[in-house]
């Protein structure tokens, strides 16, 4: 097995785990609380997804590389909001938005990969410029846009969070 094949398998597995861990993490934001288990594992897997994404060989900046840079910036804001500023002031909404946007990027890439790799789905948009692909991405963007706004509104850092 080549390095790239092994890395692809590991990167994909970690990405899918992060995506699924993001769901309960976002639901916790809606309840106005954080759950250390879900949140910590999501953050770990999201960071690992970003790190492993940068391990692929590249010679030019690709959309995947640019997405990785955006993901790294969002994760940096999330980590600052949680571990440095402890959700104080405006960092509460930065944390909530960064959490949801991190999951959004995983879903965004998931849709791209589905249209590239799953033959049934690829048949609808083989070049990813067709209406089916654009509609899928628009739907994901709209969904996560609404979820981001609601998470920012509903997430309230508790007293125990300010002490972390």
Protein backbone atom coordinates (compact mmCIF):
# COMPACT_ATOMS: atom_id res chain seq x y z
CA UNK A 1 0.00 0.00 0.00
CA UNK A 2 1.45 3.35 -1.00
CA UNK A 3 1.82 6.34 1.31
CA UNK A 4 -0.92 8.28 -0.51
CA UNK A 5 -3.39 5.37 -0.44
CA UNK A 6 -2.80 4.81 3.29
CA UNK A 7 -3.03 8.54 4.01
CA UNK A 8 -6.24 8.79 1.99
CA UNK A 9 -7.81 5.98 4.01
CA UNK A 10 -6.73 7.47 7.35
CA UNK A 11 -7.71 11.02 6.37
CA UNK A 12 -11.12 9.88 5.12
CA UNK A 13 -11.84 7.80 8.22
CA UNK A 14 -10.88 10.65 10.56
CA UNK A 15 -12.94 13.12 8.51
CA UNK A 16 -16.05 10.94 8.70
CA UNK A 17 -15.60 10.44 12.44
CA UNK A 18 -15.21 14.21 12.92
CA UNK A 19 -18.32 14.87 10.86
CA UNK A 20 -20.41 12.48 12.93
CA UNK A 21 -18.98 13.78 16.22
CA UNK A 22 -19.87 17.30 15.11
CA UNK A 23 -23.59 16.50 15.24
CA UNK A 24 -23.91 15.98 19.03
CA UNK A 25 -21.43 18.79 19.59
CA UNK A 26 -23.66 21.23 17.68
CA UNK A 27 -26.74 19.92 19.51
CA UNK A 28 -24.98 20.71 22.79
CA UNK A 29 -24.53 24.31 21.61
CA UNK A 30 -28.29 24.48 21.04
CA UNK A 31 -28.80 23.37 24.64
CA UNK A 32 -26.48 26.15 25.77
CA UNK A 33 -23.89 23.75 27.12
CA UNK A 34 -20.74 22.00 26.14
CA UNK A 35 -20.13 18.33 26.73
CA UNK A 36 -16.44 17.68 27.17
CA UNK A 37 -16.50 14.18 25.70
CA UNK A 38 -18.20 14.98 22.40
CA UNK A 39 -16.58 18.37 22.07
CA UNK A 40 -13.06 17.22 22.87
CA UNK A 41 -13.24 14.27 20.49
CA UNK A 42 -14.69 16.46 17.77
CA UNK A 43 -11.90 19.01 18.17
CA UNK A 44 -9.23 16.30 18.15
CA UNK A 45 -10.59 14.64 15.01
CA UNK A 46 -11.20 17.97 13.23
CA UNK A 47 -7.61 19.03 13.92
CA UNK A 48 -6.34 15.63 12.77
CA UNK A 49 -8.40 15.94 9.58
CA UNK A 50 -6.79 19.30 8.84
CA UNK A 51 -3.29 18.10 9.69
CA UNK A 52 -3.55 14.93 7.61
CA UNK A 53 -4.97 16.96 4.72
CA UNK A 54 -1.73 18.94 4.59
CA UNK A 55 0.31 15.71 4.42
CA UNK A 56 -0.80 14.99 0.86
CA UNK A 57 1.81 15.81 -1.78
CA UNK A 58 1.02 18.96 -3.75
CA UNK A 59 2.77 21.26 -6.18
CA UNK A 60 0.13 23.98 -6.59
CA UNK A 61 -2.54 25.40 -4.33
CA UNK A 62 -5.71 23.41 -5.01
CA UNK A 63 -9.27 23.96 -3.77
CA UNK A 64 -8.63 21.17 -1.22
CA UNK A 65 -5.53 22.97 0.05
CA UNK A 66 -7.41 26.28 0.27
CA UNK A 67 -10.21 24.54 2.18
CA UNK A 68 -7.60 23.18 4.57
CA UNK A 69 -6.24 26.67 5.19
CA UNK A 70 -9.75 27.97 5.92
CA UNK A 71 -10.39 24.99 8.23
CA UNK A 72 -7.14 25.67 10.09
CA UNK A 73 -8.06 29.33 10.62
CA UNK A 74 -11.53 28.39 11.89
CA UNK A 75 -10.10 25.76 14.23
CA UNK A 76 -7.54 28.26 15.54
CA UNK A 77 -10.38 30.67 16.38
CA UNK A 78 -12.31 27.85 18.06
CA UNK A 79 -9.30 26.84 20.16
CA UNK A 80 -8.58 30.45 21.15
CA UNK A 81 -12.23 31.02 22.12
CA UNK A 82 -12.37 27.91 24.24
CA UNK A 83 -8.94 27.51 25.81
CA UNK A 84 -7.50 31.04 25.89
CA UNK A 85 -10.53 33.31 26.25
CA UNK A 86 -12.84 30.76 27.94
CA UNK A 87 -15.95 31.89 26.03
CA UNK A 88 -15.79 35.39 27.53
CA UNK A 89 -17.57 38.24 25.79
CA UNK A 90 -17.64 37.97 22.02
CA UNK A 91 -15.57 34.80 22.16
CA UNK A 92 -18.76 32.93 23.05
CA UNK A 93 -20.21 33.55 19.61
CA UNK A 94 -16.83 32.99 17.93
CA UNK A 95 -16.70 29.56 19.55
CA UNK A 96 -20.24 28.62 18.54
CA UNK A 97 -19.80 29.87 14.97
CA UNK A 98 -16.40 28.21 14.59
CA UNK A 99 -17.77 24.92 15.88
CA UNK A 100 -20.60 24.86 13.33
CA UNK A 101 -18.41 26.15 10.49
CA UNK A 102 -15.89 23.38 11.19
CA UNK A 103 -18.64 20.81 10.75
CA UNK A 104 -19.88 22.65 7.66
CA UNK A 105 -16.48 22.35 5.98
CA UNK A 106 -16.46 18.63 6.67
CA UNK A 107 -19.94 18.33 5.12
CA UNK A 108 -18.91 20.54 2.18
CA UNK A 109 -15.95 18.28 1.41
CA UNK A 110 -18.16 15.23 1.94
CA UNK A 111 -20.53 16.44 -0.78
CA UNK A 112 -17.60 17.11 -3.13
CA UNK A 113 -16.19 13.65 -2.50
CA UNK A 114 -19.59 11.99 -2.91
CA UNK A 115 -20.00 13.57 -6.35
CA UNK A 116 -16.46 12.51 -7.26
CA UNK A 117 -16.34 8.97 -5.88
CA UNK A 118 -19.86 7.50 -5.72
CA UNK A 119 -20.86 6.42 -9.23
CA UNK A 120 -24.61 6.86 -8.67
CA UNK A 121 -24.11 10.43 -7.42
CA UNK A 122 -21.35 11.22 -9.93
CA UNK A 123 -23.75 10.44 -12.77
CA UNK A 124 -25.74 13.56 -11.83
CA UNK A 125 -22.74 15.91 -11.86
CA UNK A 126 -19.59 14.39 -13.36
CA UNK A 127 -17.82 17.76 -13.69
CA UNK A 128 -19.26 19.31 -10.50
CA UNK A 129 -20.61 22.25 -12.48
CA UNK A 130 -24.06 20.75 -13.06
CA UNK A 131 -27.22 21.97 -11.29
CA UNK A 132 -27.38 18.85 -9.08
CA UNK A 133 -23.99 19.59 -7.54
CA UNK A 134 -24.72 23.28 -7.14
CA UNK A 135 -28.11 22.51 -5.55
CA UNK A 136 -26.54 20.04 -3.12
CA UNK A 137 -23.86 22.52 -2.07
CA UNK A 138 -26.38 25.37 -1.83
CA UNK A 139 -28.58 23.21 0.38
CA UNK A 140 -25.67 22.33 2.66
CA UNK A 141 -24.64 26.00 2.83
CA UNK A 142 -28.18 27.15 3.62
CA UNK A 143 -28.65 24.48 6.27
CA UNK A 144 -25.38 25.26 8.03
CA UNK A 145 -25.92 29.00 7.69
CA UNK A 146 -29.18 28.68 9.62
CA UNK A 147 -27.60 26.30 12.15
CA UNK A 148 -24.70 28.72 12.69
CA UNK A 149 -27.02 31.64 13.43
CA UNK A 150 -29.13 29.55 15.80
CA UNK A 151 -26.07 28.11 17.58
CA UNK A 152 -24.61 31.59 18.10
CA UNK A 153 -27.94 32.79 19.53
CA UNK A 154 -28.57 29.76 21.74
CA UNK A 155 -25.08 29.00 23.09
CA UNK A 156 -24.56 30.59 26.46
CA UNK A 157 -21.39 29.80 28.32
CA UNK A 158 -22.16 28.71 31.86
CA UNK A 159 -20.23 29.54 35.01
CA UNK A 160 -18.39 26.21 34.83
CA UNK A 161 -17.24 27.06 31.29
CA UNK A 162 -15.72 30.37 32.39
CA UNK A 163 -13.49 28.47 34.83
CA UNK A 164 -12.07 26.04 32.25
